[in-house]
Structure formats: C-alpha cells, structure tokens
Amino acid sequence: MKYLHTMIRVTDVPATLNFFELLGLKEVRRFDNEAGRFTLIFLAAPGDEEAQVELTHNWDEGGYTGGRNFGHLAYAVDDIYASCQRLMDGGVTINRPPRDGHMAFVKSPDGISVELLQANGRKEPAEPWASMPNTGSW
C-alpha cells in the first residue's frame, strides 16, 4: 500500500492556489473535465512530489458546509479485489465497489472517505465486484 493524496474541494481556485503556494506547495499536474464540469489540481512540496494534495473544483458548486470540502484519503493497493475482500470480511462496507477493477471507496468509523486505487493499471472486471451496487455515500 502506498499513500497517494488527500483531496479537498475548493470554490476559489486562485485564492486556494495562492494559499498553498505561500505554504510552499507547487502545482504538479492539472486535469480539466468539461463534460463533468470539474477541475483537479495536484500540488506537492518540492522534493516530495509523491505525497500530494488534490484540489477539486466543481465548477457549478456554490459552497460547501458541514465539512464537505474535505474529500478523501487515497492509497494505491497491490490487489484492489483482495483489499476490498479483506475489508468486507472485517465488517467494512464497500461504499463504491471496484466494478472497473480500478477504484473503490470505503469509510472509516468516523465517516472519513478512503479511496483505494489499483496500482499499476486496472484489473479485469470480476464478480462479485462488477455487479455490486454503491452503498450510501462515498
């Protein structure tokens, strides 16, 4: 398992970038999704580019309340299916199953979302994951 990033949702991209640049972080990559109407901006401290903060800007969002601006922790795992099975066997709900062989979401006992991403590409879709529905929010 490898730590990837922490995601926060932002409403004012220039102000947020200015804050994190003053803190010492630099933009390492950006992804604009016109169809989904969002932008992802990844920041990292120089020399520590593997530990990133993901800024998610949903273009049509008017603001966040109740902590919804904090998104999730993200980890790469060697086998997403085995990881999800181990969690499920331990009583953890798989909120967003890895139907695509690539991404899953679970929550901590305190409701913090954790994203699991398959390391080194995607696995072939497989049951029971491929047909498992989402449960709750993630």
N, C-alpha and C. Protein backbone atom coordinates (compact mmCIF):
# COMPACT_ATOMS: atom_id res chain seq x y z
N MET A 1 0.85 -1.16 0.00
CA MET A 1 0.00 0.00 0.00
C MET A 1 0.90 1.23 0.00
N LYS A 2 0.44 2.26 -0.72
CA LYS A 2 1.22 3.49 -0.82
C LYS A 2 0.28 4.68 -0.74
N TYR A 3 0.63 5.66 0.13
CA TYR A 3 -0.14 6.89 0.24
C TYR A 3 -0.04 7.65 -1.07
N LEU A 4 -1.17 8.18 -1.56
CA LEU A 4 -1.19 8.94 -2.80
C LEU A 4 -1.50 10.41 -2.57
N HIS A 5 -2.70 10.71 -2.06
CA HIS A 5 -3.09 12.10 -1.91
C HIS A 5 -4.24 12.26 -0.94
N THR A 6 -4.46 13.50 -0.53
CA THR A 6 -5.64 13.91 0.22
C THR A 6 -6.37 14.91 -0.65
N MET A 7 -7.69 14.75 -0.78
CA MET A 7 -8.47 15.62 -1.65
C MET A 7 -9.30 16.58 -0.82
N ILE A 8 -9.28 17.86 -1.23
CA ILE A 8 -10.19 18.85 -0.66
C ILE A 8 -10.90 19.56 -1.80
N ARG A 9 -12.16 19.91 -1.56
CA ARG A 9 -12.95 20.63 -2.55
C ARG A 9 -12.77 22.13 -2.32
N VAL A 10 -12.63 22.86 -3.40
CA VAL A 10 -12.38 24.30 -3.29
C VAL A 10 -13.37 25.07 -4.16
N THR A 11 -13.68 26.30 -3.74
CA THR A 11 -14.59 27.13 -4.52
C THR A 11 -13.85 28.28 -5.21
N ASP A 12 -12.74 28.73 -4.64
CA ASP A 12 -11.99 29.84 -5.21
C ASP A 12 -10.59 29.34 -5.56
N VAL A 13 -10.41 28.89 -6.80
CA VAL A 13 -9.14 28.28 -7.21
C VAL A 13 -7.97 29.25 -7.07
N PRO A 14 -8.04 30.48 -7.60
CA PRO A 14 -6.88 31.38 -7.47
C PRO A 14 -6.48 31.63 -6.01
N ALA A 15 -7.45 31.87 -5.14
CA ALA A 15 -7.13 32.12 -3.73
C ALA A 15 -6.53 30.88 -3.07
N THR A 16 -7.06 29.72 -3.40
CA THR A 16 -6.56 28.48 -2.82
C THR A 16 -5.15 28.19 -3.31
N LEU A 17 -4.93 28.36 -4.62
CA LEU A 17 -3.57 28.16 -5.14
C LEU A 17 -2.58 29.12 -4.49
N ASN A 18 -2.98 30.37 -4.32
CA ASN A 18 -2.11 31.35 -3.68
C ASN A 18 -1.75 30.90 -2.26
N PHE A 19 -2.75 30.43 -1.51
CA PHE A 19 -2.51 29.95 -0.15
C PHE A 19 -1.49 28.82 -0.14
N PHE A 20 -1.71 27.80 -0.97
CA PHE A 20 -0.81 26.65 -0.96
C PHE A 20 0.57 26.99 -1.52
N GLU A 21 0.65 27.93 -2.45
CA GLU A 21 1.96 28.38 -2.93
C GLU A 21 2.71 29.11 -1.83
N LEU A 22 2.00 29.93 -1.04
CA LEU A 22 2.63 30.59 0.09
C LEU A 22 3.11 29.57 1.12
N LEU A 23 2.37 28.48 1.24
CA LEU A 23 2.75 27.40 2.14
C LEU A 23 3.99 26.66 1.63
N GLY A 24 4.24 26.72 0.31
CA GLY A 24 5.42 26.08 -0.27
C GLY A 24 5.11 24.97 -1.25
N LEU A 25 3.83 24.69 -1.48
CA LEU A 25 3.47 23.65 -2.45
C LEU A 25 3.46 24.21 -3.86
N LYS A 26 3.71 23.34 -4.82
CA LYS A 26 3.72 23.71 -6.24
C LYS A 26 2.76 22.80 -7.00
N GLU A 27 2.17 23.36 -8.06
CA GLU A 27 1.28 22.56 -8.91
C GLU A 27 2.12 21.56 -9.70
N VAL A 28 1.71 20.27 -9.64
CA VAL A 28 2.44 19.24 -10.38
C VAL A 28 1.65 18.71 -11.58
N ARG A 29 0.33 18.83 -11.53
CA ARG A 29 -0.49 18.47 -12.70
C ARG A 29 -1.90 18.98 -12.50
N ARG A 30 -2.61 19.09 -13.65
CA ARG A 30 -3.97 19.62 -13.65
C ARG A 30 -4.77 18.85 -14.70
N PHE A 31 -6.04 18.62 -14.37
CA PHE A 31 -6.94 17.92 -15.28
C PHE A 31 -8.28 18.64 -15.28
N ASP A 32 -8.67 19.18 -16.44
CA ASP A 32 -9.98 19.82 -16.61
C ASP A 32 -10.91 18.84 -17.31
N ASN A 33 -12.09 18.64 -16.75
CA ASN A 33 -13.08 17.75 -17.35
C ASN A 33 -14.32 18.56 -17.69
N GLU A 34 -14.41 18.98 -18.96
CA GLU A 34 -15.52 19.80 -19.43
C GLU A 34 -16.86 19.08 -19.26
N ALA A 35 -16.91 17.79 -19.62
CA ALA A 35 -18.17 17.04 -19.53
C ALA A 35 -18.63 16.91 -18.08
N GLY A 36 -17.71 16.67 -17.17
CA GLY A 36 -18.06 16.52 -15.76
C GLY A 36 -18.10 17.84 -15.01
N ARG A 37 -17.63 18.91 -15.67
CA ARG A 37 -17.63 20.26 -15.12
C ARG A 37 -16.85 20.34 -13.81
N PHE A 38 -15.60 19.80 -13.86
CA PHE A 38 -14.73 19.90 -12.70
C PHE A 38 -13.28 20.00 -13.15
N THR A 39 -12.44 20.50 -12.23
CA THR A 39 -11.00 20.59 -12.43
C THR A 39 -10.32 19.94 -11.24
N LEU A 40 -9.30 19.14 -11.51
CA LEU A 40 -8.46 18.55 -10.47
C LEU A 40 -7.08 19.18 -10.60
N ILE A 41 -6.56 19.68 -9.49
CA ILE A 41 -5.23 20.28 -9.46
C ILE A 41 -4.45 19.58 -8.35
N PHE A 42 -3.31 19.00 -8.71
CA PHE A 42 -2.49 18.28 -7.75
C PHE A 42 -1.28 19.13 -7.37
N LEU A 43 -1.07 19.26 -6.05
CA LEU A 43 0.02 20.05 -5.51
C LEU A 43 0.94 19.16 -4.68
N ALA A 44 2.22 19.54 -4.61
CA ALA A 44 3.17 18.81 -3.77
C ALA A 44 4.29 19.74 -3.35
N ALA A 45 4.92 19.36 -2.27
CA ALA A 45 6.11 20.09 -1.83
C ALA A 45 7.27 19.69 -2.73
N PRO A 46 8.09 20.65 -3.17
CA PRO A 46 9.25 20.32 -3.99
C PRO A 46 10.11 19.27 -3.28
N GLY A 47 10.47 18.24 -4.02
CA GLY A 47 11.26 17.15 -3.47
C GLY A 47 10.43 16.04 -2.86
N ASP A 48 9.13 16.25 -2.70
CA ASP A 48 8.22 15.24 -2.15
C ASP A 48 6.98 15.15 -3.03
N GLU A 49 7.20 15.03 -4.33
CA GLU A 49 6.11 15.08 -5.31
C GLU A 49 5.16 13.90 -5.23
N GLU A 50 5.54 12.84 -4.52
CA GLU A 50 4.66 11.68 -4.44
C GLU A 50 3.53 11.86 -3.43
N ALA A 51 3.72 12.71 -2.42
CA ALA A 51 2.68 12.98 -1.43
C ALA A 51 1.97 14.26 -1.85
N GLN A 52 0.74 14.13 -2.33
CA GLN A 52 0.07 15.25 -2.97
C GLN A 52 -1.23 15.66 -2.26
N VAL A 53 -1.60 16.91 -2.50
CA VAL A 53 -2.91 17.42 -2.14
C VAL A 53 -3.66 17.62 -3.45
N GLU A 54 -4.84 17.05 -3.55
CA GLU A 54 -5.69 17.22 -4.74
C GLU A 54 -6.73 18.28 -4.43
N LEU A 55 -6.73 19.34 -5.22
CA LEU A 55 -7.78 20.36 -5.13
C LEU A 55 -8.83 20.01 -6.18
N THR A 56 -10.06 19.82 -5.75
CA THR A 56 -11.15 19.52 -6.67
C THR A 56 -12.05 20.74 -6.73
N HIS A 57 -12.18 21.30 -7.93
CA HIS A 57 -13.07 22.43 -8.13
C HIS A 57 -14.24 21.98 -9.00
N ASN A 58 -15.41 21.88 -8.38
CA ASN A 58 -16.64 21.57 -9.12
C ASN A 58 -17.19 22.90 -9.59
N TRP A 59 -17.22 23.10 -10.90
CA TRP A 59 -17.48 24.40 -11.50
C TRP A 59 -18.80 25.03 -11.05
N ASP A 60 -19.80 24.22 -10.81
CA ASP A 60 -21.13 24.75 -10.51
C ASP A 60 -21.45 24.80 -9.02
N GLU A 61 -20.51 24.44 -8.18
CA GLU A 61 -20.74 24.41 -6.72
C GLU A 61 -20.72 25.82 -6.16
N GLY A 62 -21.68 26.13 -5.31
CA GLY A 62 -21.77 27.46 -4.72
C GLY A 62 -21.12 27.57 -3.36
N GLY A 63 -20.69 26.47 -2.79
CA GLY A 63 -20.06 26.48 -1.48
C GLY A 63 -20.32 25.17 -0.76
N TYR A 64 -19.52 24.90 0.25
CA TYR A 64 -19.63 23.64 0.99
C TYR A 64 -19.88 23.94 2.45
N THR A 65 -20.68 23.09 3.08
CA THR A 65 -20.95 23.21 4.50
C THR A 65 -20.76 21.85 5.15
N GLY A 66 -20.64 21.86 6.46
CA GLY A 66 -20.59 20.61 7.21
C GLY A 66 -19.41 19.73 6.89
N GLY A 67 -18.29 20.31 6.50
CA GLY A 67 -17.10 19.51 6.24
C GLY A 67 -17.05 18.85 4.88
N ARG A 68 -17.99 19.15 3.99
CA ARG A 68 -18.00 18.51 2.66
C ARG A 68 -16.83 18.98 1.80
N ASN A 69 -16.09 19.99 2.25
CA ASN A 69 -14.94 20.41 1.46
C ASN A 69 -13.77 19.44 1.61
N PHE A 70 -13.75 18.66 2.71
CA PHE A 70 -12.73 17.61 2.82
C PHE A 70 -13.21 16.43 2.03
N GLY A 71 -12.38 15.93 1.14
CA GLY A 71 -12.79 14.85 0.26
C GLY A 71 -12.44 13.47 0.77
N HIS A 72 -11.18 13.07 0.62
CA HIS A 72 -10.81 11.70 0.96
C HIS A 72 -9.30 11.53 1.04
N LEU A 73 -8.89 10.44 1.66
CA LEU A 73 -7.52 9.97 1.60
C LEU A 73 -7.45 8.98 0.46
N ALA A 74 -6.30 8.84 -0.18
CA ALA A 74 -6.18 7.89 -1.29
C ALA A 74 -4.93 7.04 -1.13
N TYR A 75 -5.08 5.75 -1.40
CA TYR A 75 -3.98 4.80 -1.32
C TYR A 75 -3.98 3.91 -2.56
N ALA A 76 -2.79 3.63 -3.09
CA ALA A 76 -2.63 2.62 -4.13
C ALA A 76 -2.46 1.29 -3.43
N VAL A 77 -3.13 0.27 -3.95
CA VAL A 77 -3.03 -1.08 -3.37
C VAL A 77 -2.60 -2.06 -4.46
N ASP A 78 -1.91 -3.12 -4.04
CA ASP A 78 -1.41 -4.12 -4.99
C ASP A 78 -2.53 -4.92 -5.64
N ASP A 79 -3.59 -5.21 -4.89
CA ASP A 79 -4.70 -6.00 -5.41
C ASP A 79 -6.00 -5.44 -4.83
N ILE A 80 -6.70 -4.65 -5.63
CA ILE A 80 -7.90 -3.97 -5.14
C ILE A 80 -8.98 -4.95 -4.72
N TYR A 81 -9.09 -6.07 -5.41
CA TYR A 81 -10.10 -7.06 -5.05
C TYR A 81 -9.78 -7.70 -3.70
N ALA A 82 -8.53 -8.09 -3.49
CA ALA A 82 -8.13 -8.69 -2.22
C ALA A 82 -8.27 -7.69 -1.08
N SER A 83 -7.91 -6.43 -1.33
CA SER A 83 -8.04 -5.40 -0.30
C SER A 83 -9.50 -5.21 0.10
N CYS A 84 -10.38 -5.11 -0.89
CA CYS A 84 -11.80 -4.94 -0.61
C CYS A 84 -12.38 -6.15 0.10
N GLN A 85 -11.95 -7.34 -0.29
CA GLN A 85 -12.44 -8.55 0.36
C GLN A 85 -12.01 -8.60 1.82
N ARG A 86 -10.75 -8.24 2.08
CA ARG A 86 -10.23 -8.22 3.46
C ARG A 86 -11.04 -7.23 4.30
N LEU A 87 -11.31 -6.04 3.75
CA LEU A 87 -12.10 -5.04 4.46
C LEU A 87 -13.53 -5.54 4.71
N MET A 88 -14.14 -6.10 3.69
CA MET A 88 -15.50 -6.59 3.80
C MET A 88 -15.58 -7.72 4.84
N ASP A 89 -14.60 -8.63 4.80
CA ASP A 89 -14.55 -9.72 5.78
C ASP A 89 -14.40 -9.18 7.19
N GLY A 90 -13.81 -8.00 7.34
CA GLY A 90 -13.65 -7.37 8.64
C GLY A 90 -14.82 -6.49 9.04
N GLY A 91 -15.89 -6.54 8.26
CA GLY A 91 -17.10 -5.80 8.61
C GLY A 91 -17.21 -4.41 8.02
N VAL A 92 -16.30 -4.05 7.12
CA VAL A 92 -16.32 -2.72 6.50
C VAL A 92 -17.24 -2.75 5.28
N THR A 93 -18.10 -1.75 5.15
CA THR A 93 -18.96 -1.61 3.98
C THR A 93 -18.14 -1.06 2.82
N ILE A 94 -18.27 -1.67 1.66
CA ILE A 94 -17.63 -1.16 0.44
C ILE A 94 -18.64 -0.20 -0.17
N ASN A 95 -18.44 1.11 0.05
CA ASN A 95 -19.42 2.09 -0.42
C ASN A 95 -19.45 2.22 -1.93
N ARG A 96 -18.28 2.18 -2.54
CA ARG A 96 -18.19 2.22 -4.01
C ARG A 96 -17.30 1.05 -4.40
N PRO A 97 -17.92 -0.07 -4.81
CA PRO A 97 -17.13 -1.26 -5.16
C PRO A 97 -16.24 -1.03 -6.38
N PRO A 98 -15.17 -1.82 -6.50
CA PRO A 98 -14.25 -1.68 -7.63
C PRO A 98 -14.79 -2.35 -8.90
N ARG A 99 -15.95 -1.89 -9.35
CA ARG A 99 -16.57 -2.50 -10.54
C ARG A 99 -15.67 -2.45 -11.76
N ASP A 100 -14.87 -1.39 -11.85
CA ASP A 100 -14.00 -1.17 -13.00
C ASP A 100 -12.61 -1.79 -12.81
N GLY A 101 -12.39 -2.49 -11.69
CA GLY A 101 -11.08 -3.07 -11.43
C GLY A 101 -10.03 -2.03 -11.10
N HIS A 102 -10.46 -0.81 -10.79
CA HIS A 102 -9.51 0.28 -10.60
C HIS A 102 -9.72 1.06 -9.30
N MET A 103 -10.97 1.38 -8.95
CA MET A 103 -11.23 2.31 -7.86
C MET A 103 -12.34 1.82 -6.96
N ALA A 104 -12.14 2.01 -5.64
CA ALA A 104 -13.16 1.70 -4.65
C ALA A 104 -13.11 2.77 -3.57
N PHE A 105 -14.22 2.91 -2.85
CA PHE A 105 -14.28 3.82 -1.70
C PHE A 105 -14.86 3.09 -0.51
N VAL A 106 -14.28 3.35 0.65
CA VAL A 106 -14.79 2.87 1.93
C VAL A 106 -14.76 4.06 2.88
N LYS A 107 -15.33 3.88 4.08
CA LYS A 107 -15.31 4.95 5.07
C LYS A 107 -14.77 4.43 6.39
N SER A 108 -14.06 5.31 7.09
CA SER A 108 -13.58 4.99 8.43
C SER A 108 -14.77 4.99 9.38
N PRO A 109 -14.59 4.49 10.61
CA PRO A 109 -15.69 4.52 11.57
C PRO A 109 -16.20 5.94 11.84
N ASP A 110 -15.37 6.96 11.58
CA ASP A 110 -15.79 8.34 11.77
C ASP A 110 -16.32 8.98 10.50
N GLY A 111 -16.48 8.19 9.44
CA GLY A 111 -17.07 8.70 8.21
C GLY A 111 -16.09 9.36 7.25
N ILE A 112 -14.79 9.15 7.42
CA ILE A 112 -13.80 9.71 6.50
C ILE A 112 -13.68 8.77 5.30
N SER A 113 -13.87 9.31 4.11
CA SER A 113 -13.78 8.51 2.90
C SER A 113 -12.32 8.17 2.58
N VAL A 114 -12.11 6.91 2.19
CA VAL A 114 -10.80 6.44 1.79
C VAL A 114 -10.95 5.82 0.40
N GLU A 115 -10.18 6.36 -0.55
CA GLU A 115 -10.18 5.85 -1.92
C GLU A 115 -9.06 4.83 -2.06
N LEU A 116 -9.38 3.69 -2.65
CA LEU A 116 -8.39 2.67 -2.97
C LEU A 116 -8.26 2.62 -4.48
N LEU A 117 -7.03 2.71 -4.97
CA LEU A 117 -6.77 2.66 -6.41
C LEU A 117 -5.83 1.50 -6.72
N GLN A 118 -6.17 0.73 -7.71
CA GLN A 118 -5.35 -0.39 -8.13
C GLN A 118 -4.01 0.13 -8.66
N ALA A 119 -2.93 -0.33 -8.05
CA ALA A 119 -1.60 0.05 -8.51
C ALA A 119 -1.32 -0.60 -9.86
N ASN A 120 -0.55 0.06 -10.69
CA ASN A 120 -0.10 -0.48 -11.97
C ASN A 120 -1.23 -0.85 -12.92
N GLY A 121 -2.18 0.05 -13.09
CA GLY A 121 -3.25 -0.18 -14.07
C GLY A 121 -4.49 -0.81 -13.46
N ARG A 122 -5.37 -1.23 -14.33
CA ARG A 122 -6.65 -1.81 -13.92
C ARG A 122 -6.60 -3.32 -13.96
N LYS A 123 -7.41 -3.93 -13.10
CA LYS A 123 -7.64 -5.37 -13.18
C LYS A 123 -8.87 -5.58 -14.07
N GLU A 124 -8.99 -6.74 -14.62
CA GLU A 124 -10.19 -7.07 -15.39
C GLU A 124 -11.39 -7.07 -14.44
N PRO A 125 -12.54 -6.50 -14.87
CA PRO A 125 -13.73 -6.56 -14.02
C PRO A 125 -14.04 -8.00 -13.63
N ALA A 126 -14.43 -8.20 -12.37
CA ALA A 126 -14.70 -9.54 -11.85
C ALA A 126 -15.82 -9.46 -10.83
N GLU A 127 -16.53 -10.57 -10.70
CA GLU A 127 -17.58 -10.68 -9.69
C GLU A 127 -16.95 -11.06 -8.36
N PRO A 128 -17.56 -10.67 -7.26
CA PRO A 128 -18.88 -10.06 -7.15
C PRO A 128 -18.87 -8.55 -7.36
N TRP A 129 -17.68 -8.00 -7.58
CA TRP A 129 -17.50 -6.56 -7.63
C TRP A 129 -18.17 -5.90 -8.84
N ALA A 130 -18.12 -6.54 -9.99
CA ALA A 130 -18.62 -5.92 -11.23
C ALA A 130 -20.10 -5.57 -11.16
N SER A 131 -20.88 -6.35 -10.43
CA SER A 131 -22.31 -6.08 -10.35
C SER A 131 -22.76 -5.57 -8.98
N MET A 132 -21.83 -5.28 -8.11
CA MET A 132 -22.18 -4.81 -6.76
C MET A 132 -22.57 -3.33 -6.81
N PRO A 133 -23.71 -2.96 -6.25
CA PRO A 133 -24.14 -1.56 -6.28
C PRO A 133 -23.40 -0.72 -5.23
N ASN A 134 -23.46 0.60 -5.40
CA ASN A 134 -22.96 1.51 -4.38
C ASN A 134 -23.83 1.39 -3.14
N THR A 135 -23.22 1.68 -1.99
CA THR A 135 -23.94 1.67 -0.73
C THR A 135 -23.66 2.97 0.00
N GLY A 136 -24.69 3.75 0.26
CA GLY A 136 -24.51 5.01 0.96
C GLY A 136 -23.74 6.03 0.13
N SER A 137 -23.09 6.94 0.80
CA SER A 137 -22.30 7.96 0.12
C SER A 137 -20.83 7.60 0.22
N TRP A 138 -20.04 8.20 -0.65
CA TRP A 138 -18.60 7.96 -0.60
C TRP A 138 -17.89 9.21 -0.98
